[in-house]
């Protein structure tokens, strides 16, 4: 998927106006949140708290932009929503919301606020996902596969699993913990099913259609990020199931299934780094800021966090250094992309 497929015709991906603002910008919240949680797991509590504060600002600011855009340009927002390539990026709103909720629960310890965020996230997930599916099922004519399918479609998985992750984190704090846990388990299974279907389509696209360097865009890192968040959801559900009778019989099954997903997430990593190197150092596609690069930060951080939690439930402590490495990589990538964002927002004044 080229960058142009995510922008309106004739417009750059980095939208400089409200009208053309990239609908997937909540990936910034996803990326910031997962880096923050990773830092907290490795005891960098002060830095994790700073990232939490930043993410609240990012989240609120992006909501203001989204609401203004809906009010001022409702037709354009609607066109974005039912576009096969752009529409799916609205699901970053769901995942960003739930990642922020996990931050609030894990770092701030405010389970009451996190519960409200989870309810909002579940409602947004149902609204956006069913709307996206409905309009794309009914629309005619259908787009060609290579023009629409991309790694961004795996946001369907990420958003679904984000409901499971946050639900598993907050379940113990609610008198309805059994219901939240049940919804989380269903979300875990549903997200896994979506992954099987969508990754098959993406691999079909890769293997049987032309793939130029320009089409190997950052959202393809979600190939790994989506399966990593399934692993995190599974790990969190195992933690819950081991202490609650109503899900105890599921603990061994979920743990075994989580091993399957964690292994597949690990398999993706060398291939994705090789593709990144080919795109920028061999094919020499310019390395410049694109809001889609937040979709690269999130998978790196998510793999670090899921590996940490997977090591906890299995006792595979020898893989914990991998978690530390990927949290550091995610932090470094976050800083680089943020610098790119500031350069893009405030370019150096050109000499006359």
Protein backbone atom coordinates (compact mmCIF):
# COMPACT_ATOMS: atom_id res chain seq x y z
CA UNK A 1 0.00 0.00 0.00
CA UNK A 2 1.56 3.28 -1.03
CA UNK A 3 1.34 6.38 1.08
CA UNK A 4 -0.99 7.98 -1.39
CA UNK A 5 -3.67 5.41 -0.73
CA UNK A 6 -4.14 6.85 2.73
CA UNK A 7 -4.50 10.43 1.61
CA UNK A 8 -7.07 12.21 -0.46
CA UNK A 9 -6.14 12.46 -4.13
CA UNK A 10 -3.48 15.09 -4.65
CA UNK A 11 -2.86 15.50 -0.90
CA UNK A 12 0.17 14.37 1.13
CA UNK A 13 -0.27 11.80 3.88
CA UNK A 14 0.84 14.31 6.52
CA UNK A 15 -2.30 16.40 6.38
CA UNK A 16 -1.68 20.06 7.16
CA UNK A 17 -5.34 20.94 7.37
CA UNK A 18 -8.27 19.73 9.39
CA UNK A 19 -10.01 18.63 6.22
CA UNK A 20 -7.28 16.18 5.23
CA UNK A 21 -6.15 15.09 8.69
CA UNK A 22 -4.95 11.47 8.71
CA UNK A 23 -7.72 9.38 10.38
CA UNK A 24 -5.25 6.92 11.90
CA UNK A 25 -3.38 9.42 14.04
CA UNK A 26 -4.48 7.74 17.28
CA UNK A 27 -1.59 5.37 16.52
CA UNK A 28 0.44 8.09 18.28
CA UNK A 29 -1.51 7.30 21.47
CA UNK A 30 -1.02 3.56 20.92
CA UNK A 31 2.73 3.99 20.48
CA UNK A 32 3.20 6.35 23.42
CA UNK A 33 1.09 4.16 25.68
CA UNK A 34 2.87 0.89 24.97
CA UNK A 35 6.31 2.48 25.39
CA UNK A 36 5.14 3.88 28.73
CA UNK A 37 3.91 0.47 29.93
CA UNK A 38 7.14 -1.18 28.82
CA UNK A 39 9.18 1.36 30.75
CA UNK A 40 7.02 0.80 33.83
CA UNK A 41 7.51 -2.98 33.68
CA UNK A 42 11.26 -2.41 33.71
CA UNK A 43 11.00 -0.08 36.73
CA UNK A 44 11.50 3.24 34.92
CA UNK A 45 8.50 4.56 36.80
CA UNK A 46 9.26 8.29 36.52
CA UNK A 47 9.72 8.15 32.76
CA UNK A 48 6.64 5.95 32.43
CA UNK A 49 4.62 8.55 34.36
CA UNK A 50 5.85 11.33 32.09
CA UNK A 51 4.74 9.32 29.06
CA UNK A 52 1.36 8.81 30.70
CA UNK A 53 0.95 12.57 31.08
CA UNK A 54 1.99 13.13 27.47
CA UNK A 55 -0.45 10.51 26.28
CA UNK A 56 -3.36 12.15 28.07
CA UNK A 57 -2.52 15.35 26.19
CA UNK A 58 -2.19 13.51 22.86
CA UNK A 59 -5.45 11.64 23.42
CA UNK A 60 -7.42 14.75 24.35
CA UNK A 61 -5.94 16.77 21.50
CA UNK A 62 -6.72 14.13 18.90
CA UNK A 63 -10.30 13.85 20.18
CA UNK A 64 -10.70 17.62 19.73
CA UNK A 65 -9.37 17.38 16.19
CA UNK A 66 -11.65 14.43 15.39
CA UNK A 67 -14.77 16.16 16.74
CA UNK A 68 -13.98 19.39 14.89
CA UNK A 69 -13.40 17.42 11.71
CA UNK A 70 -16.71 15.55 12.08
CA UNK A 71 -18.57 18.82 12.68
CA UNK A 72 -16.93 20.76 9.87
CA UNK A 73 -16.35 18.05 7.27
CA UNK A 74 -18.87 15.24 7.95
CA UNK A 75 -18.98 14.09 4.33
CA UNK A 76 -15.20 13.76 4.11
CA UNK A 77 -15.08 11.86 7.42
CA UNK A 78 -17.80 9.54 6.15
CA UNK A 79 -15.89 9.00 2.89
CA UNK A 80 -12.78 8.19 4.92
CA UNK A 81 -14.70 5.69 7.04
CA UNK A 82 -15.97 3.63 4.12
CA UNK A 83 -12.72 3.85 2.14
CA UNK A 84 -11.19 0.33 2.15
CA UNK A 85 -7.68 1.60 2.96
CA UNK A 86 -8.35 4.65 5.16
CA UNK A 87 -11.48 3.46 6.94
CA UNK A 88 -9.78 0.72 8.90
CA UNK A 89 -7.35 3.26 10.41
CA UNK A 90 -10.20 4.71 12.49
CA UNK A 91 -9.73 1.63 14.68
CA UNK A 92 -6.58 3.28 16.07
CA UNK A 93 -9.10 5.28 18.11
CA UNK A 94 -10.26 2.07 19.82
CA UNK A 95 -6.78 0.68 20.38
CA UNK A 96 -5.42 4.04 21.52
CA UNK A 97 -8.29 4.44 23.97
CA UNK A 98 -7.68 0.99 25.48
CA UNK A 99 -3.89 1.31 25.60
CA UNK A 100 -4.36 4.57 27.50
CA UNK A 101 -6.75 2.72 29.82
CA UNK A 102 -4.06 0.10 30.47
CA UNK A 103 -1.62 2.90 31.30
CA UNK A 104 -4.07 4.42 33.76
CA UNK A 105 -4.66 1.04 35.41
CA UNK A 106 -1.07 -0.25 35.51
CA UNK A 107 0.91 2.96 36.08
CA UNK A 108 -1.54 5.21 37.93
CA UNK A 109 -3.43 2.39 39.64
CA UNK A 110 -6.78 4.07 38.89
CA UNK A 111 -8.91 1.05 38.11
CA UNK A 112 -12.11 3.10 38.39
CA UNK A 113 -11.07 5.43 35.57
CA UNK A 114 -9.69 2.51 33.57
CA UNK A 115 -13.06 0.75 33.84
CA UNK A 116 -14.81 3.77 32.32
CA UNK A 117 -12.21 3.89 29.55
CA UNK A 118 -12.79 0.17 28.89
CA UNK A 119 -16.55 0.68 28.57
CA UNK A 120 -15.95 3.58 26.16
CA UNK A 121 -13.46 1.47 24.22
CA UNK A 122 -15.85 -1.46 23.93
CA UNK A 123 -18.61 0.85 22.64
CA UNK A 124 -16.24 2.48 20.12
CA UNK A 125 -15.03 -0.94 18.99
CA UNK A 126 -18.59 -2.11 18.26
CA UNK A 127 -19.58 1.15 16.56
CA UNK A 128 -16.55 1.55 14.30
CA UNK A 129 -15.93 -2.10 13.46
CA UNK A 130 -19.51 -2.96 12.51
CA UNK A 131 -19.88 0.28 10.56
CA UNK A 132 -16.68 -0.42 8.64
CA UNK A 133 -17.71 -3.98 7.80
CA UNK A 134 -21.26 -3.04 6.87
CA UNK A 135 -20.36 -0.21 4.48
CA UNK A 136 -17.58 -2.20 2.82
CA UNK A 137 -19.74 -5.29 2.40
CA UNK A 138 -22.54 -3.30 0.76
CA UNK A 139 -20.50 -0.87 -1.35
CA UNK A 140 -20.18 -1.33 -5.10
CA UNK A 141 -18.02 -1.64 -7.08
CA UNK A 142 -15.59 -3.60 -4.93
CA UNK A 143 -11.92 -2.49 -5.02
CA UNK A 144 -9.19 -4.86 -6.18
CA UNK A 145 -7.39 -6.71 -3.40
CA UNK A 146 -4.01 -5.08 -3.98
CA UNK A 147 -5.57 -1.62 -3.80
CA UNK A 148 -7.14 -2.06 -0.39
CA UNK A 149 -5.57 -4.80 1.74
CA UNK A 150 -2.53 -3.85 3.82
CA UNK A 151 -1.09 -4.30 7.28
CA UNK A 152 -3.48 -1.59 8.45
CA UNK A 153 -6.33 -4.11 8.15
CA UNK A 154 -4.81 -5.90 11.13
CA UNK A 155 -6.00 -2.98 13.24
CA UNK A 156 -9.20 -5.05 13.29
CA UNK A 157 -7.24 -7.57 15.34
CA UNK A 158 -5.39 -4.99 17.44
CA UNK A 159 -8.55 -3.11 18.41
CA UNK A 160 -10.35 -6.35 19.30
CA UNK A 161 -7.47 -7.62 21.40
CA UNK A 162 -7.09 -4.24 23.12
CA UNK A 163 -10.57 -4.84 24.57
CA UNK A 164 -9.32 -8.20 25.89
CA UNK A 165 -6.10 -6.78 27.35
CA UNK A 166 -7.69 -3.89 29.24
CA UNK A 167 -10.58 -6.08 30.37
CA UNK A 168 -8.18 -8.66 31.83
CA UNK A 169 -6.23 -5.91 33.60
CA UNK A 170 -9.26 -4.30 35.28
CA UNK A 171 -11.48 -7.36 35.85
CA UNK A 172 -10.46 -7.87 39.49
CA UNK A 173 -11.45 -4.32 40.41
CA UNK A 174 -15.11 -4.73 39.46
CA UNK A 175 -17.93 -6.66 41.17
CA UNK A 176 -18.81 -7.80 37.64
CA UNK A 177 -15.31 -9.21 37.12
CA UNK A 178 -16.71 -12.49 35.73
CA UNK A 179 -18.59 -10.61 32.98
CA UNK A 180 -15.60 -8.46 32.07
CA UNK A 181 -13.40 -11.56 32.00
CA UNK A 182 -15.91 -13.40 29.79
CA UNK A 183 -16.05 -10.49 27.32
CA UNK A 184 -12.25 -10.35 27.36
CA UNK A 185 -11.99 -14.07 26.64
CA UNK A 186 -14.46 -13.75 23.75
CA UNK A 187 -12.49 -10.77 22.40
CA UNK A 188 -9.27 -12.77 22.65
CA UNK A 189 -10.76 -15.61 20.60
CA UNK A 190 -12.42 -13.27 18.09
CA UNK A 191 -9.20 -11.33 17.52
CA UNK A 192 -7.31 -14.56 16.97
CA UNK A 193 -9.84 -15.66 14.35
CA UNK A 194 -9.58 -12.30 12.59
CA UNK A 195 -5.79 -12.68 12.51
CA UNK A 196 -5.92 -16.06 10.80
CA UNK A 197 -8.20 -14.68 8.07
CA UNK A 198 -6.48 -11.33 7.50
CA UNK A 199 -2.89 -12.53 7.59
CA UNK A 200 -3.81 -15.07 4.92
CA UNK A 201 -5.06 -12.27 2.67
CA UNK A 202 -1.96 -10.17 3.35
CA UNK A 203 0.43 -13.03 2.56
CA UNK A 204 -1.57 -13.75 -0.59
CA UNK A 205 -1.12 -10.10 -1.55
CA UNK A 206 2.62 -10.26 -0.85
CA UNK A 207 3.30 -13.52 -2.64
CA UNK A 208 1.10 -13.28 -5.73
CA UNK A 209 0.95 -9.55 -6.58
CA UNK A 210 3.66 -7.06 -7.38
CA UNK A 211 5.27 -5.61 -4.24
CA UNK A 212 7.46 -2.60 -4.86
CA UNK A 213 9.56 -0.98 -2.14
CA UNK A 214 7.16 1.97 -2.00
CA UNK A 215 4.30 -0.36 -1.08
CA UNK A 216 6.15 -1.88 1.91
CA UNK A 217 4.81 0.84 4.18
CA UNK A 218 5.16 0.97 8.02
CA UNK A 219 1.67 -0.47 8.76
CA UNK A 220 3.00 -3.86 7.67
CA UNK A 221 4.77 -3.94 11.05
CA UNK A 222 1.28 -4.58 12.43
CA UNK A 223 1.71 -8.10 10.97
CA UNK A 224 3.84 -8.66 14.07
CA UNK A 225 2.13 -6.17 16.39
CA UNK A 226 -1.27 -7.80 15.96
CA UNK A 227 -0.04 -11.25 16.95
CA UNK A 228 2.00 -9.73 19.78
CA UNK A 229 -1.07 -8.10 21.32
CA UNK A 230 -2.88 -11.45 21.07
CA UNK A 231 0.00 -12.90 23.09
CA UNK A 232 -0.34 -10.12 25.65
CA UNK A 233 -4.09 -10.65 25.92
CA UNK A 234 -3.53 -14.38 26.39
CA UNK A 235 -0.91 -13.80 29.09
CA UNK A 236 -3.17 -11.43 30.98
CA UNK A 237 -6.10 -13.84 30.75
CA UNK A 238 -3.94 -16.68 32.08
CA UNK A 239 -3.02 -14.50 35.08
CA UNK A 240 -6.71 -13.90 35.73
CA UNK A 241 -7.80 -17.50 35.09
CA UNK A 242 -5.31 -18.96 37.57
CA UNK A 243 -6.97 -17.08 40.43
CA UNK A 244 -10.65 -17.35 39.45
CA UNK A 245 -12.56 -20.59 39.35
CA UNK A 246 -14.93 -19.54 36.55
CA UNK A 247 -12.05 -19.41 34.04
CA UNK A 248 -9.58 -21.77 35.69
CA UNK A 249 -10.31 -24.58 33.24
CA UNK A 250 -9.27 -22.29 30.38
CA UNK A 251 -5.84 -21.42 31.80
CA UNK A 252 -3.84 -24.26 30.21
CA UNK A 253 -5.59 -23.90 26.85
CA UNK A 254 -4.99 -20.14 26.71
CA UNK A 255 -1.36 -20.57 27.73
CA UNK A 256 -0.72 -23.13 24.99
CA UNK A 257 -2.50 -20.97 22.42
CA UNK A 258 -0.48 -17.96 23.57
CA UNK A 259 2.75 -19.87 22.92
CA UNK A 260 1.57 -20.36 19.35
CA UNK A 261 0.96 -16.63 18.89
CA UNK A 262 4.15 -15.49 20.64
CA UNK A 263 6.23 -17.80 18.45
CA UNK A 264 4.59 -16.41 15.30
CA UNK A 265 5.19 -12.83 16.48
CA UNK A 266 8.86 -13.73 16.95
CA UNK A 267 9.02 -15.25 13.47
CA UNK A 268 7.91 -11.98 11.86
CA UNK A 269 10.69 -9.84 13.32
CA UNK A 270 13.69 -10.78 11.10
CA UNK A 271 11.55 -10.55 7.95
CA UNK A 272 10.21 -7.12 8.86
CA UNK A 273 13.68 -5.75 9.62
CA UNK A 274 14.96 -7.15 6.32
CA UNK A 275 12.07 -5.52 4.47
CA UNK A 276 12.74 -2.21 6.22
CA UNK A 277 16.42 -2.41 5.23
CA UNK A 278 15.53 -3.27 1.63
CA UNK A 279 13.01 -0.43 1.37
CA UNK A 280 15.29 2.32 2.68
CA UNK A 281 18.90 1.18 2.10
CA UNK A 282 18.70 -0.84 -1.12
CA UNK A 283 15.66 0.57 -2.93
CA UNK A 284 16.47 3.96 -1.33
CA UNK A 285 12.94 5.04 -0.56
CA UNK A 286 13.47 8.32 1.35
CA UNK A 287 13.23 7.96 5.12
CA UNK A 288 11.03 10.91 6.05
CA UNK A 289 8.25 11.53 8.53
CA UNK A 290 4.93 9.85 7.91
CA UNK A 291 2.21 9.44 10.58
CA UNK A 292 2.11 5.77 9.61
CA UNK A 293 5.49 5.33 11.35
CA UNK A 294 3.65 5.32 14.68
CA UNK A 295 2.36 1.96 13.43
CA UNK A 296 5.97 0.76 13.54
CA UNK A 297 6.64 2.01 17.08
CA UNK A 298 3.61 0.23 18.54
CA UNK A 299 4.53 -3.32 17.39
CA UNK A 300 8.09 -2.93 18.70
CA UNK A 301 6.81 -1.85 22.11
CA UNK A 302 4.03 -4.42 22.11
CA UNK A 303 6.47 -7.24 21.46
CA UNK A 304 8.57 -6.07 24.40
CA UNK A 305 5.56 -5.91 26.71
CA UNK A 306 4.01 -9.20 25.58
CA UNK A 307 7.35 -11.00 25.97
CA UNK A 308 7.70 -9.69 29.54
CA UNK A 309 4.22 -10.93 30.46
CA UNK A 310 4.62 -14.22 28.61
CA UNK A 311 7.83 -14.88 30.57
CA UNK A 312 5.88 -14.30 33.80
CA UNK A 313 3.19 -16.90 33.08
CA UNK A 314 5.56 -19.55 31.72
CA UNK A 315 8.66 -19.06 33.85
CA UNK A 316 10.74 -18.67 30.68
CA UNK A 317 12.92 -16.03 32.33
CA UNK A 318 15.63 -16.42 29.70
CA UNK A 319 13.48 -14.47 27.21
CA UNK A 320 13.14 -11.42 29.49
CA UNK A 321 16.23 -9.67 28.03
CA UNK A 322 14.41 -9.76 24.66
CA UNK A 323 11.66 -7.72 26.28
CA UNK A 324 14.16 -5.12 27.53
CA UNK A 325 15.75 -4.89 24.07
CA UNK A 326 12.45 -4.23 22.32
CA UNK A 327 11.28 -1.70 24.89
CA UNK A 328 14.54 0.20 24.26
CA UNK A 329 14.09 -0.12 20.48
CA UNK A 330 10.52 1.15 20.78
CA UNK A 331 11.62 4.10 22.92
CA UNK A 332 14.38 5.04 20.46
CA UNK A 333 12.02 4.74 17.49
CA UNK A 334 9.38 6.80 19.34
CA UNK A 335 11.90 9.60 19.88
CA UNK A 336 13.02 9.53 16.22
CA UNK A 337 9.45 9.61 14.91
CA UNK A 338 8.52 12.41 17.33
CA UNK A 339 11.47 14.46 16.09
CA UNK A 340 10.22 13.83 12.56
CA UNK A 341 6.76 15.02 13.58
CA UNK A 342 8.14 18.29 14.97
CA UNK A 343 10.26 18.85 11.85
CA UNK A 344 7.17 18.25 9.74
CA UNK A 345 5.03 20.61 11.81
CA UNK A 346 7.64 23.34 12.12
CA UNK A 347 9.83 23.20 8.99
CA UNK A 348 12.84 25.48 8.81
CA UNK A 349 11.94 28.75 7.16
CA UNK A 350 13.12 28.78 3.56
CA UNK A 351 15.53 31.43 2.46
CA UNK A 352 14.13 33.81 -0.17
